[in-house]
């Protein structure tokens, strides 16, 4: 995965705020096209989602922590230039998000 520039890193909170604070955990507007398909990790299938802003994509899994809906970020793709996401990046993001969920007390997907 390419390293995000400082400028892209500064965009991440803004994109997440726009995506989840304005829309919440409801079906995203068509412009977001947030479904990045199902990914199998350790024998279980997870739905990977994306919060998007221009050419920056933030990939993760929606789950919960102590009963509160949570978006667990598994990866960022600062260089997405085509309409199709890189399958390798998506797989790594799903793996990382699932690992993160396993490390956080009270988290589940």
Protein backbone atom coordinates (compact mmCIF):
# COMPACT_ATOMS: atom_id res chain seq x y z
CA UNK A 1 0.00 0.00 0.00
CA UNK A 2 1.35 3.41 -0.88
CA UNK A 3 2.23 5.69 1.98
CA UNK A 4 -0.25 8.53 2.45
CA UNK A 5 1.18 12.02 2.13
CA UNK A 6 0.80 14.47 5.03
CA UNK A 7 -1.92 16.22 3.01
CA UNK A 8 -3.84 12.94 2.57
CA UNK A 9 -3.39 12.10 6.25
CA UNK A 10 -5.02 15.42 7.16
CA UNK A 11 -8.02 14.56 4.94
CA UNK A 12 -8.82 11.29 6.75
CA UNK A 13 -10.70 12.76 9.76
CA UNK A 14 -12.63 15.12 7.47
CA UNK A 15 -13.71 12.28 5.17
CA UNK A 16 -14.74 10.07 8.09
CA UNK A 17 -16.68 12.95 9.69
CA UNK A 18 -18.48 13.70 6.43
CA UNK A 19 -19.28 10.06 5.77
CA UNK A 20 -20.44 8.98 9.22
CA UNK A 21 -21.54 12.20 10.95
CA UNK A 22 -23.66 13.39 8.04
CA UNK A 23 -24.98 10.01 6.94
CA UNK A 24 -24.49 7.85 10.02
CA UNK A 25 -24.51 4.08 9.70
CA UNK A 26 -27.36 4.06 7.20
CA UNK A 27 -27.23 3.03 3.57
CA UNK A 28 -24.75 5.41 1.97
CA UNK A 29 -25.76 7.69 -0.88
CA UNK A 30 -24.99 6.30 -4.35
CA UNK A 31 -22.05 8.70 -4.80
CA UNK A 32 -20.15 6.86 -2.05
CA UNK A 33 -20.56 3.38 -3.59
CA UNK A 34 -19.13 2.22 -0.29
CA UNK A 35 -19.52 -1.55 -0.65
CA UNK A 36 -16.10 -3.04 -1.42
CA UNK A 37 -17.34 -6.64 -1.46
CA UNK A 38 -17.12 -9.51 0.99
CA UNK A 39 -13.74 -10.81 2.16
CA UNK A 40 -13.00 -14.08 3.91
CA UNK A 41 -10.67 -13.76 6.90
CA UNK A 42 -9.93 -16.78 9.12
CA UNK A 43 -12.92 -18.66 7.71
CA UNK A 44 -15.44 -15.88 8.33
CA UNK A 45 -16.86 -13.48 5.73
CA UNK A 46 -16.71 -9.72 6.40
CA UNK A 47 -18.18 -6.87 4.36
CA UNK A 48 -15.48 -4.28 3.61
CA UNK A 49 -16.72 -0.69 3.34
CA UNK A 50 -15.05 2.46 2.02
CA UNK A 51 -15.30 6.11 2.97
CA UNK A 52 -14.20 8.10 -0.06
CA UNK A 53 -12.92 11.57 -0.76
CA UNK A 54 -11.59 12.51 -4.20
CA UNK A 55 -8.78 9.98 -4.85
CA UNK A 56 -8.41 8.90 -1.21
CA UNK A 57 -10.13 5.74 0.03
CA UNK A 58 -10.43 4.66 3.66
CA UNK A 59 -11.29 0.96 3.97
CA UNK A 60 -12.71 -0.76 7.01
CA UNK A 61 -15.37 -2.94 8.57
CA UNK A 62 -18.46 -1.74 10.41
CA UNK A 63 -18.78 -3.46 13.75
CA UNK A 64 -19.41 -2.46 17.34
CA UNK A 65 -17.55 -1.71 20.53
CA UNK A 66 -19.44 -2.11 23.80
CA UNK A 67 -22.70 -2.00 21.84
CA UNK A 68 -21.91 1.19 19.86
CA UNK A 69 -21.57 1.01 16.07
CA UNK A 70 -17.97 1.57 15.06
CA UNK A 71 -15.98 1.78 11.81
CA UNK A 72 -12.72 -0.15 12.18
CA UNK A 73 -10.22 1.23 9.67
CA UNK A 74 -8.05 -1.41 8.05
CA UNK A 75 -6.30 0.61 5.38
CA UNK A 76 -6.03 3.76 3.33
CA UNK A 77 -5.40 3.97 -0.40
CA UNK A 78 -4.14 7.46 -1.22
CA UNK A 79 -3.46 6.63 -4.86
CA UNK A 80 -6.71 5.20 -6.18
CA UNK A 81 -6.88 6.52 -9.73
CA UNK A 82 -9.05 3.95 -11.47
CA UNK A 83 -12.67 2.96 -10.99
CA UNK A 84 -11.71 -0.51 -9.77
CA UNK A 85 -10.05 -0.92 -6.39
CA UNK A 86 -6.87 -3.01 -6.14
CA UNK A 87 -7.91 -6.46 -4.82
CA UNK A 88 -4.64 -6.83 -2.89
CA UNK A 89 -5.20 -3.55 -1.03
CA UNK A 90 -8.77 -4.57 -0.22
CA UNK A 91 -7.67 -7.98 1.12
CA UNK A 92 -4.94 -6.43 3.30
CA UNK A 93 -7.40 -3.81 4.60
CA UNK A 94 -9.92 -6.52 5.53
CA UNK A 95 -7.20 -8.56 7.27
CA UNK A 96 -5.98 -5.51 9.22
CA UNK A 97 -9.50 -4.43 10.24
CA UNK A 98 -10.30 -7.92 11.54
CA UNK A 99 -6.98 -8.01 13.44
CA UNK A 100 -7.77 -4.59 14.94
CA UNK A 101 -11.21 -5.78 16.07
CA UNK A 102 -9.52 -8.73 17.79
CA UNK A 103 -7.14 -6.41 19.68
CA UNK A 104 -9.75 -3.99 21.05
CA UNK A 105 -11.60 -4.92 24.21
CA UNK A 106 -15.35 -5.13 23.67
CA UNK A 107 -15.08 -4.97 19.87
CA UNK A 108 -16.90 -7.27 17.48
CA UNK A 109 -17.93 -7.41 13.84
